[in-house]
PDB file of N, CA and C in Angstrom:
ATOM      1  N   UNK A   1     -17.197 -42.526   2.546  1.00  0.00           N
ATOM      2  CA  UNK A   1     -18.609 -42.276   2.653  1.00  0.00           C
ATOM      3  C   UNK A   1     -19.029 -42.594   4.086  1.00  0.00           C
ATOM      4  N   UNK A   2     -19.826 -41.722   4.676  1.00  0.00           N
ATOM      5  CA  UNK A   2     -20.318 -41.932   6.035  1.00  0.00           C
ATOM      6  C   UNK A   2     -21.840 -41.903   6.008  1.00  0.00           C
ATOM      7  N   UNK A   3     -22.456 -42.929   6.576  1.00  0.00           N
ATOM      8  CA  UNK A   3     -23.915 -42.974   6.722  1.00  0.00           C
ATOM      9  C   UNK A   3     -24.232 -43.008   8.207  1.00  0.00           C
ATOM     10  N   UNK A   4     -24.904 -41.973   8.679  1.00  0.00           N
ATOM     11  CA  UNK A   4     -25.274 -41.940  10.099  1.00  0.00           C
ATOM     12  C   UNK A   4     -26.662 -42.555  10.248  1.00  0.00           C
ATOM     13  N   UNK A   5     -26.668 -43.881  10.332  1.00  0.00           N
ATOM     14  CA  UNK A   5     -27.896 -44.667  10.424  1.00  0.00           C
ATOM     15  C   UNK A   5     -27.772 -45.575  11.639  1.00  0.00           C
ATOM     16  N   UNK A   6     -28.821 -45.679  12.417  1.00  0.00           N
ATOM     17  CA  UNK A   6     -28.800 -46.573  13.578  1.00  0.00           C
ATOM     18  C   UNK A   6     -29.048 -47.991  13.098  1.00  0.00           C
ATOM     19  N   UNK A   7     -28.141 -48.880  13.486  1.00  0.00           N
ATOM     20  CA  UNK A   7     -28.180 -50.268  13.026  1.00  0.00           C
ATOM     21  C   UNK A   7     -27.656 -51.166  14.138  1.00  0.00           C
ATOM     22  N   UNK A   8     -28.219 -52.351  14.275  1.00  0.00           N
ATOM     23  CA  UNK A   8     -27.722 -53.329  15.235  1.00  0.00           C
ATOM     24  C   UNK A   8     -26.662 -54.189  14.556  1.00  0.00           C
ATOM     25  N   UNK A   9     -25.502 -54.335  15.198  1.00  0.00           N
ATOM     26  CA  UNK A   9     -24.416 -55.177  14.686  1.00  0.00           C
ATOM     27  C   UNK A   9     -23.928 -56.083  15.807  1.00  0.00           C
ATOM     28  N   UNK A  10     -23.154 -57.078  15.466  1.00  0.00           N
ATOM     29  CA  UNK A  10     -22.552 -57.962  16.473  1.00  0.00           C
ATOM     30  C   UNK A  10     -21.105 -57.541  16.704  1.00  0.00           C
ATOM     31  N   UNK A  11     -20.743 -57.406  17.962  1.00  0.00           N
ATOM     32  CA  UNK A  11     -19.369 -57.042  18.322  1.00  0.00           C
ATOM     33  C   UNK A  11     -18.449 -58.233  18.097  1.00  0.00           C
ATOM     34  N   UNK A  12     -17.145 -58.009  18.276  1.00  0.00           N
ATOM     35  CA  UNK A  12     -16.175 -59.108  18.145  1.00  0.00           C
ATOM     36  C   UNK A  12     -16.482 -60.237  19.111  1.00  0.00           C
ATOM     37  N   UNK A  13     -17.083 -59.889  20.273  1.00  0.00           N
ATOM     38  CA  UNK A  13     -17.410 -60.889  21.293  1.00  0.00           C
ATOM     39  C   UNK A  13     -18.743 -61.582  21.014  1.00  0.00           C
ATOM     40  N   UNK A  14     -19.454 -61.140  19.974  1.00  0.00           N
ATOM     41  CA  UNK A  14     -20.728 -61.763  19.629  1.00  0.00           C
ATOM     42  C   UNK A  14     -21.946 -61.100  20.256  1.00  0.00           C
ATOM     43  N   UNK A  15     -21.748 -60.001  20.997  1.00  0.00           N
ATOM     44  CA  UNK A  15     -22.871 -59.282  21.606  1.00  0.00           C
ATOM     45  C   UNK A  15     -23.533 -58.389  20.568  1.00  0.00           C
ATOM     46  N   UNK A  16     -24.849 -58.198  20.698  1.00  0.00           N
ATOM     47  CA  UNK A  16     -25.542 -57.238  19.851  1.00  0.00           C
ATOM     48  C   UNK A  16     -25.298 -55.840  20.405  1.00  0.00           C
ATOM     49  N   UNK A  17     -24.829 -54.930  19.553  1.00  0.00           N
ATOM     50  CA  UNK A  17     -24.575 -53.551  19.948  1.00  0.00           C
ATOM     51  C   UNK A  17     -25.175 -52.623  18.898  1.00  0.00           C
ATOM     52  N   UNK A  18     -25.367 -51.370  19.262  1.00  0.00           N
ATOM     53  CA  UNK A  18     -25.957 -50.398  18.348  1.00  0.00           C
ATOM     54  C   UNK A  18     -24.857 -49.569  17.692  1.00  0.00           C
ATOM     55  N   UNK A  19     -24.890 -49.524  16.371  1.00  0.00           N
ATOM     56  CA  UNK A  19     -23.983 -48.681  15.593  1.00  0.00           C
ATOM     57  C   UNK A  19     -24.770 -47.459  15.141  1.00  0.00           C
ATOM     58  N   UNK A  20     -24.186 -46.270  15.325  1.00  0.00           N
ATOM     59  CA  UNK A  20     -24.872 -45.041  14.921  1.00  0.00           C
ATOM     60  C   UNK A  20     -24.299 -44.440  13.647  1.00  0.00           C
ATOM     61  N   UNK A  21     -23.204 -45.017  13.139  1.00  0.00           N
ATOM     62  CA  UNK A  21     -22.620 -44.542  11.886  1.00  0.00           C
ATOM     63  C   UNK A  21     -21.846 -45.674  11.232  1.00  0.00           C
ATOM     64  N   UNK A  22     -21.888 -45.715   9.912  1.00  0.00           N
ATOM     65  CA  UNK A  22     -21.121 -46.685   9.150  1.00  0.00           C
ATOM     66  C   UNK A  22     -20.242 -45.913   8.175  1.00  0.00           C
ATOM     67  N   UNK A  23     -18.992 -46.327   8.084  1.00  0.00           N
ATOM     68  CA  UNK A  23     -18.018 -45.651   7.235  1.00  0.00           C
ATOM     69  C   UNK A  23     -17.555 -46.645   6.173  1.00  0.00           C
ATOM     70  N   UNK A  24     -17.671 -46.262   4.911  1.00  0.00           N
ATOM     71  CA  UNK A  24     -17.158 -47.065   3.795  1.00  0.00           C
ATOM     72  C   UNK A  24     -15.898 -46.366   3.319  1.00  0.00           C
ATOM     73  N   UNK A  25     -14.802 -47.107   3.253  1.00  0.00           N
ATOM     74  CA  UNK A  25     -13.519 -46.493   2.912  1.00  0.00           C
ATOM     75  C   UNK A  25     -12.710 -47.399   1.986  1.00  0.00           C
ATOM     76  N   UNK A  26     -11.535 -46.960   1.621  1.00  0.00           N
ATOM     77  CA  UNK A  26     -10.664 -47.691   0.705  1.00  0.00           C
ATOM     78  C   UNK A  26     -10.262 -49.043   1.299  1.00  0.00           C
ATOM     79  N   UNK A  27      -9.991 -50.034   0.439  1.00  0.00           N
ATOM     80  CA  UNK A  27      -9.693 -51.380   0.929  1.00  0.00           C
ATOM     81  C   UNK A  27      -8.379 -51.508   1.688  1.00  0.00           C
ATOM     82  N   UNK A  28      -7.477 -50.534   1.554  1.00  0.00           N
ATOM     83  CA  UNK A  28      -6.184 -50.634   2.232  1.00  0.00           C
ATOM     84  C   UNK A  28      -6.144 -49.895   3.572  1.00  0.00           C
ATOM     85  N   UNK A  29      -7.278 -49.362   4.023  1.00  0.00           N
ATOM     86  CA  UNK A  29      -7.328 -48.657   5.310  1.00  0.00           C
ATOM     87  C   UNK A  29      -7.255 -49.667   6.450  1.00  0.00           C
ATOM     88  N   UNK A  30      -6.379 -49.409   7.406  1.00  0.00           N
ATOM     89  CA  UNK A  30      -6.223 -50.278   8.573  1.00  0.00           C
ATOM     90  C   UNK A  30      -6.958 -49.633   9.745  1.00  0.00           C
ATOM     91  N   UNK A  31      -8.081 -50.219  10.133  1.00  0.00           N
ATOM     92  CA  UNK A  31      -8.892 -49.667  11.220  1.00  0.00           C
ATOM     93  C   UNK A  31      -9.400 -50.824  12.077  1.00  0.00           C
ATOM     94  N   UNK A  32      -8.586 -51.326  12.987  1.00  0.00           N
ATOM     95  CA  UNK A  32      -9.034 -52.440  13.825  1.00  0.00           C
ATOM     96  C   UNK A  32     -10.190 -52.033  14.740  1.00  0.00           C
ATOM     97  N   UNK A  33     -10.977 -53.011  15.164  1.00  0.00           N
ATOM     98  CA  UNK A  33     -12.054 -52.750  16.127  1.00  0.00           C
ATOM     99  C   UNK A  33     -11.462 -52.039  17.338  1.00  0.00           C
ATOM    100  N   UNK A  34     -12.213 -51.134  17.928  1.00  0.00           N
ATOM    101  CA  UNK A  34     -11.834 -50.287  19.058  1.00  0.00           C
ATOM    102  C   UNK A  34     -10.974 -49.098  18.661  1.00  0.00           C
ATOM    103  N   UNK A  35     -10.711 -48.905  17.354  1.00  0.00           N
ATOM    104  CA  UNK A  35      -9.968 -47.732  16.913  1.00  0.00           C
ATOM    105  C   UNK A  35     -10.806 -46.481  17.138  1.00  0.00           C
ATOM    106  N   UNK A  36     -10.145 -45.391  17.430  1.00  0.00           N
ATOM    107  CA  UNK A  36     -10.816 -44.098  17.599  1.00  0.00           C
ATOM    108  C   UNK A  36     -11.052 -43.495  16.217  1.00  0.00           C
ATOM    109  N   UNK A  37     -12.276 -42.990  15.990  1.00  0.00           N
ATOM    110  CA  UNK A  37     -12.658 -42.412  14.704  1.00  0.00           C
ATOM    111  C   UNK A  37     -13.256 -41.028  14.952  1.00  0.00           C
ATOM    112  N   UNK A  38     -12.852 -40.055  14.159  1.00  0.00           N
ATOM    113  CA  UNK A  38     -13.482 -38.740  14.184  1.00  0.00           C
ATOM    114  C   UNK A  38     -14.323 -38.621  12.922  1.00  0.00           C
ATOM    115  N   UNK A  39     -15.636 -38.473  13.092  1.00  0.00           N
ATOM    116  CA  UNK A  39     -16.560 -38.361  11.966  1.00  0.00           C
ATOM    117  C   UNK A  39     -16.513 -36.954  11.383  1.00  0.00           C
ATOM    118  N   UNK A  40     -17.010 -36.753  10.150  1.00  0.00           N
ATOM    119  CA  UNK A  40     -16.954 -35.428   9.518  1.00  0.00           C
ATOM    120  C   UNK A  40     -17.595 -34.304  10.336  1.00  0.00           C
ATOM    121  N   UNK A  41     -18.603 -34.631  11.162  1.00  0.00           N
ATOM    122  CA  UNK A  41     -19.240 -33.587  11.974  1.00  0.00           C
ATOM    123  C   UNK A  41     -18.463 -33.280  13.256  1.00  0.00           C
ATOM    124  N   UNK A  42     -17.301 -33.952  13.449  1.00  0.00           N
ATOM    125  CA  UNK A  42     -16.457 -33.714  14.613  1.00  0.00           C
ATOM    126  C   UNK A  42     -16.699 -34.671  15.767  1.00  0.00           C
ATOM    127  N   UNK A  43     -17.741 -35.475  15.663  1.00  0.00           N
ATOM    128  CA  UNK A  43     -18.042 -36.435  16.737  1.00  0.00           C
ATOM    129  C   UNK A  43     -16.954 -37.504  16.787  1.00  0.00           C
ATOM    130  N   UNK A  44     -16.480 -37.807  17.992  1.00  0.00           N
ATOM    131  CA  UNK A  44     -15.467 -38.840  18.186  1.00  0.00           C
ATOM    132  C   UNK A  44     -16.164 -40.105  18.653  1.00  0.00           C
ATOM    133  N   UNK A  45     -15.848 -41.208  18.000  1.00  0.00           N
ATOM    134  CA  UNK A  45     -16.475 -42.487  18.291  1.00  0.00           C
ATOM    135  C   UNK A  45     -15.420 -43.579  18.195  1.00  0.00           C
ATOM    136  N   UNK A  46     -15.834 -44.829  18.266  1.00  0.00           N
ATOM    137  CA  UNK A  46     -14.870 -45.927  18.105  1.00  0.00           C
ATOM    138  C   UNK A  46     -15.446 -46.985  17.192  1.00  0.00           C
ATOM    139  N   UNK A  47     -14.571 -47.741  16.560  1.00  0.00           N
ATOM    140  CA  UNK A  47     -14.975 -48.797  15.638  1.00  0.00           C
ATOM    141  C   UNK A  47     -15.493 -49.996  16.421  1.00  0.00           C
ATOM    142  N   UNK A  48     -16.675 -50.462  16.065  1.00  0.00           N
ATOM    143  CA  UNK A  48     -17.239 -51.663  16.686  1.00  0.00           C
ATOM    144  C   UNK A  48     -16.878 -52.912  15.889  1.00  0.00           C
ATOM    145  N   UNK A  49     -17.106 -52.853  14.579  1.00  0.00           N
ATOM    146  CA  UNK A  49     -16.784 -53.976  13.704  1.00  0.00           C
ATOM    147  C   UNK A  49     -16.149 -53.448  12.431  1.00  0.00           C
ATOM    148  N   UNK A  50     -15.375 -54.298  11.783  1.00  0.00           N
ATOM    149  CA  UNK A  50     -14.728 -53.951  10.518  1.00  0.00           C
ATOM    150  C   UNK A  50     -14.973 -55.107   9.553  1.00  0.00           C
ATOM    151  N   UNK A  51     -15.516 -54.789   8.366  1.00  0.00           N
ATOM    152  CA  UNK A  51     -15.815 -55.806   7.353  1.00  0.00           C
ATOM    153  C   UNK A  51     -15.098 -55.453   6.061  1.00  0.00           C
ATOM    154  N   UNK A  52     -14.421 -56.426   5.485  1.00  0.00           N
ATOM    155  CA  UNK A  52     -13.726 -56.241   4.211  1.00  0.00           C
ATOM    156  C   UNK A  52     -14.631 -56.784   3.112  1.00  0.00           C
ATOM    157  N   UNK A  53     -14.936 -55.953   2.105  1.00  0.00           N
ATOM    158  CA  UNK A  53     -15.814 -56.340   1.008  1.00  0.00           C
ATOM    159  C   UNK A  53     -14.995 -56.489  -0.268  1.00  0.00           C
ATOM    160  N   UNK A  54     -15.098 -57.650  -0.885  1.00  0.00           N
ATOM    161  CA  UNK A  54     -14.445 -57.900  -2.163  1.00  0.00           C
ATOM    162  C   UNK A  54     -15.473 -58.504  -3.115  1.00  0.00           C
ATOM    163  N   UNK A  55     -15.222 -58.374  -4.389  1.00  0.00           N
ATOM    164  CA  UNK A  55     -16.114 -58.941  -5.394  1.00  0.00           C
ATOM    165  C   UNK A  55     -15.278 -59.399  -6.577  1.00  0.00           C
ATOM    166  N   UNK A  56     -14.505 -60.464  -6.394  1.00  0.00           N
ATOM    167  CA  UNK A  56     -13.631 -60.931  -7.471  1.00  0.00           C
ATOM    168  C   UNK A  56     -14.417 -61.179  -8.763  1.00  0.00           C
ATOM    169  N   UNK A  57     -13.919 -60.618  -9.846  1.00  0.00           N
ATOM    170  CA  UNK A  57     -14.543 -60.814 -11.148  1.00  0.00           C
ATOM    171  C   UNK A  57     -15.696 -59.876 -11.451  1.00  0.00           C
ATOM    172  N   UNK A  58     -16.143 -59.113 -10.478  1.00  0.00           N
ATOM    173  CA  UNK A  58     -17.235 -58.171 -10.711  1.00  0.00           C
ATOM    174  C   UNK A  58     -16.680 -56.756 -10.844  1.00  0.00           C
ATOM    175  N   UNK A  59     -17.335 -55.908 -11.623  1.00  0.00           N
ATOM    176  CA  UNK A  59     -16.819 -54.553 -11.840  1.00  0.00           C
ATOM    177  C   UNK A  59     -17.222 -53.566 -10.735  1.00  0.00           C
ATOM    178  N   UNK A  60     -16.997 -53.951  -9.499  1.00  0.00           N
ATOM    179  CA  UNK A  60     -17.291 -53.071  -8.366  1.00  0.00           C
ATOM    180  C   UNK A  60     -16.032 -52.948  -7.514  1.00  0.00           C
ATOM    181  N   UNK A  61     -15.863 -51.809  -6.851  1.00  0.00           N
ATOM    182  CA  UNK A  61     -14.644 -51.612  -6.064  1.00  0.00           C
ATOM    183  C   UNK A  61     -14.642 -52.397  -4.755  1.00  0.00           C
ATOM    184  N   UNK A  62     -13.443 -52.753  -4.312  1.00  0.00           N
ATOM    185  CA  UNK A  62     -13.285 -53.334  -2.991  1.00  0.00           C
ATOM    186  C   UNK A  62     -13.416 -52.215  -1.973  1.00  0.00           C
ATOM    187  N   UNK A  63     -13.800 -52.556  -0.742  1.00  0.00           N
ATOM    188  CA  UNK A  63     -13.928 -51.523   0.281  1.00  0.00           C
ATOM    189  C   UNK A  63     -13.834 -52.149   1.660  1.00  0.00           C
ATOM    190  N   UNK A  64     -13.734 -51.282   2.651  1.00  0.00           N
ATOM    191  CA  UNK A  64     -13.776 -51.667   4.060  1.00  0.00           C
ATOM    192  C   UNK A  64     -14.944 -50.921   4.672  1.00  0.00           C
ATOM    193  N   UNK A  65     -15.811 -51.644   5.393  1.00  0.00           N
ATOM    194  CA  UNK A  65     -16.934 -51.016   6.085  1.00  0.00           C
ATOM    195  C   UNK A  65     -16.679 -51.077   7.593  1.00  0.00           C
ATOM    196  N   UNK A  66     -16.724 -49.912   8.224  1.00  0.00           N
ATOM    197  CA  UNK A  66     -16.519 -49.815   9.670  1.00  0.00           C
ATOM    198  C   UNK A  66     -17.824 -49.380  10.308  1.00  0.00           C
ATOM    199  N   UNK A  67     -18.334 -50.187  11.227  1.00  0.00           N
ATOM    200  CA  UNK A  67     -19.514 -49.811  11.997  1.00  0.00           C
ATOM    201  C   UNK A  67     -19.013 -49.115  13.247  1.00  0.00           C
ATOM    202  N   UNK A  68     -19.467 -47.889  13.445  1.00  0.00           N
ATOM    203  CA  UNK A  68     -19.001 -47.071  14.570  1.00  0.00           C
ATOM    204  C   UNK A  68     -20.055 -46.965  15.656  1.00  0.00           C
ATOM    205  N   UNK A  69     -19.600 -46.780  16.871  1.00  0.00           N
ATOM    206  CA  UNK A  69     -20.460 -46.658  18.048  1.00  0.00           C
ATOM    207  C   UNK A  69     -21.376 -45.459  17.945  1.00  0.00           C
TER     208      UNK A  69
END
């Protein structure tokens, strides 16, 4: 799932940066910060932050959220 929403996030260095797209993907996807990403519209960007979401004991899927430049 891709949401093209402008959002402020913190980089690995702790700086505030602007993310223009967020990608929710399967929990086993390996996408380190600074990885190159091609969005569905063909735009090439890079990963700013990567967050792993888990919910042990809850009936919701695990996922990885990537905030893109």
